[in-house]
Protein backbone atom coordinates (compact mmCIF):
# COMPACT_ATOMS: atom_id res chain seq x y z
CA MET A 1 0.00 0.00 0.00
CA GLN A 2 2.81 2.39 0.84
CA ARG A 3 4.47 2.04 -2.55
CA ARG A 4 1.16 2.84 -4.26
CA ARG A 5 0.73 5.95 -2.14
CA ILE A 6 4.23 7.06 -3.14
CA LEU A 7 3.49 6.77 -6.85
CA LEU A 8 0.12 8.46 -6.48
CA ALA A 9 1.78 11.29 -4.59
CA GLY A 10 4.18 11.71 -7.47
CA ILE A 11 1.30 11.73 -9.94
CA ALA A 12 -0.53 14.31 -7.87
CA MET A 13 2.48 16.60 -8.05
CA MET A 14 2.41 16.27 -11.83
CA THR A 15 -1.26 17.11 -12.17
CA ALA A 16 -2.40 20.69 -12.66
CA VAL A 17 -5.43 21.71 -10.66
CA GLY A 18 -8.58 22.49 -12.62
CA LEU A 19 -8.70 25.84 -14.30
CA ALA A 20 -11.33 28.23 -13.07
CA GLY A 21 -13.07 30.25 -15.75
CA CYS A 22 -11.43 33.63 -16.09
CA ALA A 23 -12.69 36.64 -17.97
CA THR A 24 -10.46 38.28 -20.53
CA GLY A 25 -9.21 41.77 -19.85
CA GLY A 26 -6.12 43.94 -19.69
CA ALA A 27 -4.86 46.47 -22.15
CA GLY A 28 -4.65 44.18 -25.18
CA GLY A 29 -5.67 45.44 -28.60
CA GLU A 30 -4.31 46.45 -31.99
CA SER A 31 -3.25 49.79 -30.55
CA ALA A 32 -0.91 48.25 -27.96
CA GLU A 33 2.25 50.35 -27.96
CA LEU A 34 5.44 50.43 -25.94
CA SER A 35 5.41 52.88 -23.06
CA ASP A 36 8.06 55.46 -22.25
CA GLU A 37 7.12 55.28 -18.58
CA PRO A 38 8.53 52.77 -16.07
CA VAL A 39 6.87 49.39 -16.60
CA THR A 40 7.03 46.17 -14.62
CA ILE A 41 6.07 42.84 -16.21
CA SER A 42 6.38 39.27 -14.99
CA LEU A 43 7.94 36.22 -16.63
CA ASN A 44 7.19 32.66 -15.58
CA TRP A 45 8.86 29.40 -16.66
CA TRP A 46 9.73 25.87 -15.59
CA GLY A 47 13.08 24.15 -15.87
CA GLY A 48 16.23 22.97 -14.15
CA ASP A 49 19.13 24.99 -12.80
CA ALA A 50 20.85 25.49 -16.15
CA ARG A 51 17.70 26.87 -17.81
CA THR A 52 16.95 29.13 -14.88
CA GLN A 53 20.41 30.66 -14.87
CA ALA A 54 20.36 31.23 -18.64
CA THR A 55 16.89 32.78 -18.50
CA LYS A 56 17.88 35.16 -15.72
CA GLU A 57 20.88 36.28 -17.77
CA ALA A 58 18.61 36.78 -20.81
CA VAL A 59 16.27 38.91 -18.71
CA ALA A 60 19.20 41.09 -17.66
CA LEU A 61 20.04 41.64 -21.34
CA PHE A 62 16.43 42.58 -22.07
CA GLU A 63 16.33 45.06 -19.20
CA ALA A 64 19.52 46.65 -20.52
CA ALA A 65 17.94 47.00 -23.96
CA TYR A 66 14.66 48.31 -22.49
CA PRO A 67 15.80 50.35 -19.46
CA ASN A 68 12.28 51.45 -18.52
CA VAL A 69 11.07 47.84 -18.21
CA THR A 70 11.62 45.72 -15.12
CA VAL A 71 11.00 41.99 -15.37
CA GLU A 72 9.97 40.06 -12.26
CA THR A 73 10.75 36.37 -12.64
CA SER A 74 9.22 33.20 -11.21
CA PHE A 75 10.09 29.62 -11.96
CA SER A 76 9.76 26.05 -10.70
CA ASP A 77 10.22 22.50 -11.87
CA TRP A 78 7.57 20.90 -14.04
CA ASN A 79 5.88 19.11 -11.16
CA GLY A 80 4.72 22.29 -9.44
CA TYR A 81 4.50 24.69 -12.36
CA TRP A 82 0.98 23.98 -13.58
CA ASP A 83 -0.57 23.91 -10.12
CA ARG A 84 0.91 27.33 -9.41
CA LEU A 85 -0.11 28.76 -12.80
CA ALA A 86 -3.67 27.48 -12.45
CA THR A 87 -3.91 29.02 -8.99
CA SER A 88 -2.61 32.41 -10.10
CA THR A 89 -4.84 32.39 -13.19
CA ALA A 90 -7.94 31.60 -11.14
CA ALA A 91 -7.03 34.55 -8.89
CA ASN A 92 -6.75 36.85 -11.95
CA ASP A 93 -3.03 37.16 -11.24
CA MET A 94 -1.55 35.26 -14.18
CA PRO A 95 2.02 36.42 -14.98
CA ASP A 96 2.34 38.58 -18.09
CA VAL A 97 4.52 36.11 -20.00
CA ASN A 98 4.33 32.37 -19.44
CA GLN A 99 6.21 29.42 -20.82
CA PHE A 100 3.62 26.94 -22.10
CA ASP A 101 3.32 23.32 -23.11
CA GLN A 102 0.97 22.02 -25.80
CA LEU A 103 -0.79 19.87 -23.19
CA TYR A 104 -2.37 22.99 -21.70
CA LEU A 105 -2.51 25.44 -24.61
CA ALA A 106 -6.04 24.68 -25.81
CA SER A 107 -7.42 24.58 -22.26
CA TYR A 108 -6.13 28.03 -21.35
CA ALA A 109 -6.95 29.51 -24.77
CA ASP A 110 -10.55 28.29 -24.63
CA ARG A 111 -10.96 29.93 -21.23
CA GLY A 112 -9.95 33.32 -22.58
CA THR A 113 -6.82 33.63 -20.46
CA LEU A 114 -4.36 34.06 -23.35
CA LEU A 115 -3.86 37.09 -25.58
CA ASP A 116 -4.40 36.91 -29.33
CA LEU A 117 -0.85 37.63 -30.50
CA SER A 118 -2.12 39.46 -33.59
CA GLU A 119 -2.92 42.30 -31.18
CA VAL A 120 0.79 42.85 -30.56
CA GLY A 121 2.04 42.28 -34.09
CA ALA A 122 4.08 45.49 -34.03
CA GLN A 123 6.27 44.04 -31.29
CA LEU A 124 6.21 40.37 -32.28
CA ASP A 125 6.90 39.30 -35.84
CA THR A 126 5.70 35.72 -36.27
CA SER A 127 6.31 35.58 -40.03
CA VAL A 128 9.90 34.38 -39.57
CA ILE A 129 8.72 31.10 -38.05
CA ASP A 130 8.08 28.16 -40.37
CA GLU A 131 4.34 27.85 -40.90
CA SER A 132 4.25 24.16 -39.94
CA ILE A 133 5.71 25.00 -36.53
CA LEU A 134 3.83 28.28 -36.10
CA GLN A 135 0.49 26.51 -36.60
CA SER A 136 1.08 24.47 -33.46
CA GLY A 137 0.40 27.66 -31.49
CA VAL A 138 -3.01 28.20 -33.12
CA VAL A 139 -6.28 27.35 -31.38
CA ASP A 140 -9.57 27.96 -33.21
CA ASP A 141 -7.80 29.97 -35.93
CA THR A 142 -6.18 32.33 -33.41
CA GLN A 143 -2.43 32.54 -32.73
CA TYR A 144 -2.30 32.36 -28.96
CA ALA A 145 1.26 31.10 -28.58
CA LEU A 146 4.64 31.54 -30.22
CA PRO A 147 6.46 28.21 -30.51
CA ILE A 148 9.95 28.42 -29.08
CA SER A 149 11.09 25.25 -30.79
CA GLY A 150 10.11 21.77 -31.80
CA THR A 151 11.74 18.51 -30.77
CA PRO A 152 11.59 14.90 -31.87
CA ASN A 153 11.55 12.12 -29.29
CA GLY A 154 14.64 9.99 -28.97
CA VAL A 155 16.49 7.46 -26.88
CA LEU A 156 18.89 9.32 -24.60
CA ILE A 157 21.87 7.10 -23.87
CA ASN A 158 24.64 7.22 -21.28
CA LYS A 159 27.61 6.38 -23.48
CA THR A 160 29.95 6.32 -20.48
CA LEU A 161 27.86 3.61 -18.85
CA LEU A 162 27.77 1.49 -22.00
CA GLU A 163 31.53 1.79 -22.41
CA LYS A 164 32.02 0.83 -18.75
CA TYR A 165 30.63 -2.61 -19.60
CA GLY A 166 32.22 -2.91 -23.04
CA ILE A 167 28.96 -2.45 -24.94
CA PRO A 168 29.45 -1.02 -28.45
CA ILE A 169 27.31 1.94 -29.51
CA PRO A 170 24.64 0.65 -31.91
CA ASP A 171 24.01 1.93 -35.41
CA PHE A 172 20.92 4.01 -34.76
CA ASP A 173 19.87 3.91 -38.40
CA ILE A 174 19.25 0.17 -38.27
CA TRP A 175 18.94 -0.88 -34.64
CA THR A 176 15.89 -2.87 -33.57
CA TRP A 177 13.83 -3.27 -30.42
CA ASP A 178 15.64 -6.55 -29.84
CA ASP A 179 18.97 -4.68 -30.00
CA LEU A 180 17.79 -2.15 -27.41
CA THR A 181 16.56 -4.93 -25.13
CA GLU A 182 19.85 -6.81 -25.41
CA ILE A 183 21.86 -3.68 -24.53
CA ALA A 184 19.60 -2.91 -21.57
CA GLN A 185 19.81 -6.44 -20.26
CA THR A 186 23.60 -6.49 -20.58
CA VAL A 187 24.00 -3.32 -18.51
CA SER A 188 21.83 -4.71 -15.73
CA ASP A 189 23.51 -8.13 -15.79
CA GLU A 190 27.10 -6.86 -15.97
CA SER A 191 26.51 -4.35 -13.17
CA GLY A 192 25.07 -6.98 -10.88
CA GLY A 193 21.98 -4.82 -10.48
CA ALA A 194 23.91 -1.70 -9.43
CA GLU A 195 22.73 0.00 -12.62
CA TRP A 196 19.90 -0.68 -15.03
CA GLY A 197 19.78 -0.70 -18.78
CA ILE A 198 16.57 1.27 -19.28
CA ASN A 199 13.80 3.09 -17.46
CA PRO A 200 10.46 2.54 -19.26
CA LEU A 201 8.60 5.27 -17.34
CA ALA A 202 8.06 7.50 -20.39
CA LEU A 203 6.28 4.67 -22.20
CA GLY A 204 3.95 4.53 -19.23
CA ILE A 205 3.09 8.13 -18.47
CA ASP A 206 4.35 10.48 -21.21
CA SER A 207 1.84 11.06 -24.01
CA PHE A 208 4.67 12.28 -26.27
CA ALA A 209 6.48 8.95 -26.03
CA VAL A 210 3.27 6.91 -26.16
CA ASN A 211 2.19 8.86 -29.26
CA VAL A 212 5.50 8.06 -31.00
CA TRP A 213 4.92 4.41 -30.08
CA ALA A 214 1.40 4.68 -31.53
CA ARG A 215 2.73 6.26 -34.73
CA GLN A 216 5.20 3.40 -35.09
CA HIS A 217 2.09 1.22 -35.14
CA GLY A 218 0.21 3.37 -37.65
CA GLU A 219 -1.96 5.33 -35.19
CA ASP A 220 -2.19 8.81 -33.66
CA PHE A 221 -3.50 9.93 -30.28
CA TYR A 222 -5.99 12.51 -31.58
CA ASP A 223 -7.73 13.24 -34.86
CA LYS A 224 -8.30 16.67 -36.37
CA GLU A 225 -11.67 16.92 -34.61
CA GLY A 226 -9.92 16.60 -31.25
CA ASP A 227 -11.14 13.11 -30.40
CA LEU A 228 -8.94 10.42 -28.84
CA VAL A 229 -8.52 7.76 -31.51
CA VAL A 230 -5.56 5.65 -30.38
CA SER A 231 -6.56 2.03 -29.74
CA PRO A 232 -6.38 0.41 -26.30
CA GLU A 233 -4.32 -2.43 -27.75
CA THR A 234 -1.60 0.00 -28.85
CA ILE A 235 -1.37 1.73 -25.47
CA ALA A 236 -1.36 -1.66 -23.76
CA SER A 237 1.49 -2.86 -25.96
CA ALA A 238 3.64 0.09 -24.85
CA TRP A 239 2.98 -0.74 -21.20
CA GLU A 240 3.65 -4.43 -21.83
CA GLN A 241 7.00 -3.62 -23.39
CA GLY A 242 8.02 -1.78 -20.22
CA LEU A 243 6.75 -4.60 -18.01
CA SER A 244 8.88 -7.10 -19.90
CA TRP A 245 12.01 -5.06 -19.11
CA ILE A 246 11.02 -4.83 -15.44
CA ASP A 247 10.40 -8.57 -15.25
CA SER A 248 13.78 -9.40 -16.80
CA GLY A 249 15.71 -6.99 -14.60
CA ALA A 250 16.71 -4.79 -17.53
CA ALA A 251 14.73 -1.99 -15.87
CA PRO A 252 14.29 -0.97 -12.22
CA THR A 253 11.67 -2.67 -10.11
CA ALA A 254 8.12 -1.35 -9.94
CA ASP A 255 8.81 -0.22 -6.38
CA HIS A 256 11.85 1.78 -7.45
CA ILE A 257 10.05 3.38 -10.37
CA ALA A 258 7.16 4.33 -8.09
CA GLU A 259 9.42 5.84 -5.45
CA ASN A 260 11.26 8.02 -7.98
CA THR A 261 8.43 9.13 -10.27
CA ALA A 262 8.36 12.72 -9.00
CA ASN A 263 12.13 13.31 -8.93
CA THR A 264 13.41 16.49 -10.53
CA LEU A 265 15.48 16.02 -13.68
CA ASP A 266 18.73 16.48 -11.74
CA GLN A 267 17.80 13.66 -9.36
CA THR A 268 16.62 11.06 -11.86
CA ASP A 269 18.50 7.79 -12.15
CA PHE A 270 19.52 8.73 -15.68
CA ALA A 271 21.08 12.04 -14.58
CA LEU A 272 22.81 10.25 -11.70
CA GLY A 273 24.35 7.65 -13.99
CA ARG A 274 22.30 4.70 -12.71
CA VAL A 275 20.24 4.07 -15.87
CA ALA A 276 21.72 3.74 -19.35
CA MET A 277 18.73 4.64 -21.55
CA ILE A 278 15.48 6.60 -21.40
CA PHE A 279 12.90 7.87 -23.90
CA ALA A 280 12.65 11.66 -23.89
CA GLY A 281 12.26 14.77 -25.98
CA VAL A 282 15.68 15.40 -27.48
CA SER A 283 15.61 18.98 -26.23
CA GLN A 284 16.22 17.55 -22.74
CA LEU A 285 19.65 16.25 -23.68
CA ALA A 286 21.40 19.51 -22.77
CA SER A 287 19.73 19.66 -19.35
CA TYR A 288 20.60 16.06 -18.58
CA GLN A 289 24.19 16.62 -19.72
CA ALA A 290 24.48 19.67 -17.47
CA ALA A 291 23.21 17.58 -14.58
CA ALA A 292 25.67 14.76 -15.36
CA PRO A 293 28.99 16.48 -16.19
CA THR A 294 31.07 13.33 -15.59
CA GLN A 295 28.98 11.26 -18.03
CA GLU A 296 28.91 11.47 -21.82
CA LEU A 297 25.35 11.42 -23.08
CA ILE A 298 24.29 10.79 -26.66
CA VAL A 299 20.99 10.39 -28.50
CA GLY A 300 19.65 7.94 -31.04
CA ASN A 301 16.45 7.47 -32.97
CA TRP A 302 13.85 5.03 -31.71
CA PRO A 303 14.53 1.44 -32.68
CA THR A 304 12.26 -0.22 -35.23
CA ASP A 305 11.18 -3.66 -36.35
CA SER A 306 9.71 -5.18 -39.49
CA GLU A 307 6.22 -3.79 -38.72
CA THR A 308 7.25 -0.20 -37.95
CA VAL A 309 5.41 2.43 -39.99
CA GLU A 310 7.66 5.00 -41.67
CA GLY A 311 7.36 8.65 -40.71
CA PHE A 312 6.55 7.92 -37.06
CA GLN A 313 8.69 10.78 -35.77
CA TYR A 314 7.25 14.27 -35.37
CA PHE A 315 8.28 17.60 -33.93
CA LYS A 316 6.44 18.26 -30.72
CA PRO A 317 6.49 21.94 -29.77
CA VAL A 318 8.94 21.93 -26.88
CA GLN A 319 7.49 25.04 -25.37
CA TYR A 320 5.69 28.22 -26.28
CA TRP A 321 5.68 31.76 -25.00
CA THR A 322 2.25 33.24 -24.32
CA VAL A 323 0.92 36.57 -23.04
CA SER A 324 -1.82 36.81 -20.44
CA SER A 325 -5.04 38.34 -21.76
CA ARG A 326 -5.16 40.36 -18.54
CA SER A 327 -1.69 41.83 -18.96
CA GLU A 328 -1.64 45.58 -18.38
CA HIS A 329 1.47 45.84 -20.58
CA PRO A 330 0.94 43.54 -23.58
CA ALA A 331 3.31 45.48 -25.82
CA GLU A 332 6.20 45.09 -23.38
CA ALA A 333 5.28 41.46 -22.81
CA ALA A 334 5.39 40.84 -26.56
CA ALA A 335 8.69 42.73 -26.83
CA LEU A 336 10.13 40.39 -24.19
CA ILE A 337 9.00 37.32 -26.12
CA SER A 338 10.49 38.74 -29.31
CA PHE A 339 13.78 39.40 -27.51
CA LEU A 340 13.89 35.92 -25.97
CA THR A 341 13.34 34.24 -29.34
CA SER A 342 15.40 36.38 -31.70
CA ASP A 343 18.24 38.19 -29.90
CA PRO A 344 21.60 36.62 -30.89
CA GLU A 345 23.09 36.84 -27.39
CA VAL A 346 20.03 35.23 -25.87
CA ALA A 347 20.22 32.49 -28.49
CA LYS A 348 23.77 31.74 -27.37
CA LEU A 349 22.69 31.64 -23.73
CA PHE A 350 19.78 29.29 -24.38
CA GLY A 351 21.53 27.05 -26.89
CA THR A 352 19.27 24.03 -27.38
CA ASP A 353 17.99 23.81 -23.80
CA ARG A 354 14.48 24.63 -25.01
CA GLY A 355 15.04 22.70 -28.21
CA VAL A 356 16.42 23.78 -31.57
CA PRO A 357 15.10 27.34 -32.02
CA ALA A 358 12.13 27.80 -34.32
CA ASN A 359 13.45 31.26 -35.21
CA PRO A 360 15.95 30.71 -38.07
CA THR A 361 18.13 33.66 -37.03
CA ALA A 362 18.54 32.21 -33.55
CA ARG A 363 19.15 28.78 -35.01
CA ASP A 364 21.95 30.04 -37.24
CA THR A 365 23.44 32.04 -34.38
CA ILE A 366 23.85 29.14 -32.00
CA GLU A 367 25.43 26.63 -34.35
CA SER A 368 28.99 27.90 -33.94
CA SER A 369 28.74 28.22 -30.16
CA LEU A 370 27.06 24.96 -29.19
CA ASP A 371 28.64 22.61 -26.70
CA PRO A 372 28.79 18.91 -27.66
CA ALA A 373 25.33 18.15 -26.21
CA GLY A 374 23.84 21.12 -28.03
CA MET A 375 25.47 20.11 -31.31
CA LEU A 376 24.15 16.58 -30.94
CA THR A 377 20.67 18.01 -30.38
CA LEU A 378 20.92 20.22 -33.47
CA GLU A 379 22.32 17.45 -35.66
CA PHE A 380 19.73 14.92 -34.54
CA THR A 381 16.84 17.35 -34.98
CA THR A 382 18.08 18.35 -38.44
CA ALA A 383 18.37 14.69 -39.45
CA MET A 384 14.87 13.93 -38.16
CA ALA A 385 13.44 16.77 -40.24
CA GLU A 386 13.84 14.48 -43.26
CA GLN A 387 11.78 11.75 -41.59
CA VAL A 388 9.01 13.80 -39.98
CA LYS A 389 5.63 13.38 -41.65
CA ASN A 390 2.04 14.36 -40.91
CA PRO A 391 2.39 16.13 -37.55
CA PRO A 392 -0.39 15.13 -35.15
CA ALA A 393 -3.05 17.39 -33.72
CA ILE A 394 -2.16 19.12 -30.45
CA THR A 395 -3.80 18.08 -27.21
CA PRO A 396 -7.45 19.26 -27.34
CA ASN A 397 -9.31 21.10 -24.63
CA GLY A 398 -10.42 18.63 -22.01
CA ALA A 399 -7.35 16.43 -22.35
CA SER A 400 -4.71 18.50 -20.56
CA THR A 401 -4.60 15.86 -17.81
CA VAL A 402 -3.70 13.13 -20.30
CA ASP A 403 -0.23 12.50 -18.81
CA ALA A 404 -1.49 12.39 -15.23
CA THR A 405 -4.33 10.11 -16.29
CA LEU A 406 -1.90 7.84 -18.13
CA ALA A 407 0.20 7.74 -14.97
CA ARG A 408 -2.77 6.81 -12.79
CA TYR A 409 -3.69 3.84 -14.95
CA TYR A 410 -0.05 2.91 -15.50
CA GLN A 411 0.49 2.57 -11.76
CA GLN A 412 -2.34 0.03 -11.67
CA VAL A 413 -0.66 -1.89 -14.48
CA LEU A 414 2.74 -1.54 -12.85
CA PHE A 415 1.61 -3.33 -9.71
CA GLY A 416 -0.54 -5.92 -11.44
CA GLN A 417 -3.88 -4.53 -10.29
CA VAL A 418 -5.39 -4.59 -13.79
CA GLU A 419 -4.54 -6.02 -17.18
CA PRO A 420 -2.86 -3.49 -19.54
CA VAL A 421 -5.59 -3.57 -22.18
CA ASP A 422 -8.33 -3.13 -19.58
CA ALA A 423 -6.50 -0.14 -18.07
CA ALA A 424 -6.01 1.32 -21.56
CA GLU A 425 -9.72 1.01 -22.32
CA GLN A 426 -10.59 2.81 -19.08
CA PHE A 427 -8.01 5.51 -19.82
CA ILE A 428 -9.47 6.15 -23.29
CA LYS A 429 -13.03 6.25 -21.96
CA GLU A 430 -12.09 8.75 -19.24
CA ILE A 431 -10.13 11.13 -21.48
CA GLN A 432 -12.73 11.06 -24.26
CA ALA A 433 -15.46 11.87 -21.74
CA SER A 434 -13.43 14.85 -20.57
CA ILE A 435 -12.92 16.01 -24.17
CA ASP A 436 -16.63 15.68 -24.90
CA ALA A 437 -17.51 17.66 -21.78
CA ALA A 438 -15.24 20.50 -22.89
CA LYS A 439 -16.75 20.79 -26.37
């Protein structure tokens, strides 16, 4: 019972509280102009230590360029970010500029809490962003968010750990699921259980990873109408793959996974050098590398098999910048977003921590200054651009709790309380009901 409470506590930390309906307001409008008077705006983001330090330095550069504008900053890790944002939004105290994830974009946009960015077009030029990426920030034909970047999903690998046990680096163009399993098992066996080959958690609770799995099997999570269309058999097969690694010892035990679900990035087994492979958005490579300076981390494409459907990879918007519809200084808020996404010095500070920049000027700027992890991220993302096809629909309104709901059913599967396909059917029924209620 205790281990289940631990996992549920971790899930609860990951779940954003329900959004209260909030009226639109503020000084937004086509006439929004920069003020000559002293202005204070607020900036809110999530991330680890490296991102926080870089963002603070970027804010200092912005304040130097706009001496009448003061930026108050707030930040947290992912686990607490959405709870805090929902609370401040419900209290009509949403920060002026917020980092956003596609899980929550439609929910906040539909509640009128985000500014239509066309109202601040004089300060924020969106035309430089590729249309296929820019469209990911559109809800109901309105541009509510500026995509910072897009990232494919990959297998992050601790090369140092593989070399410790004499395991050659696979050819990621041709490796198979059997190859990955063999590598994972070898790490666990050779270490005597001191380290593990893989942590399957993402295949259990991360809709990004589960969607890539679904696309390998010819399915998507959502259709263009915003309905959940992935089959229960496909979700169950992802969970079953993870269970097979746990059963063989290639992955940590269910107890260990449960106890560490809510760890910050810096405290995960992968960052601490105790797990050789994880599934993650490739944009996270730089943060993991910063947290593990004595380890060499690399990235590879997902393995395949004879039944894998081509074009399964896609660019998930890593993050967006949005402006609160209640902001009293929308022009300055938009100017801050523009600065954070286009200024060359900021681009160097951020590197690829938030993914490969969607702004081509920023992307060109960082190439010559990237550290090895950043260069790997850029090279991998560029290579994946040739394979990406048919980007999926973003998470619809009503489904922003999809990851937390996945996690809740996954924990039942993890401890053998319910069969994977039965849990998947219940998951689909619950999320679709929530989507229908929001329509």
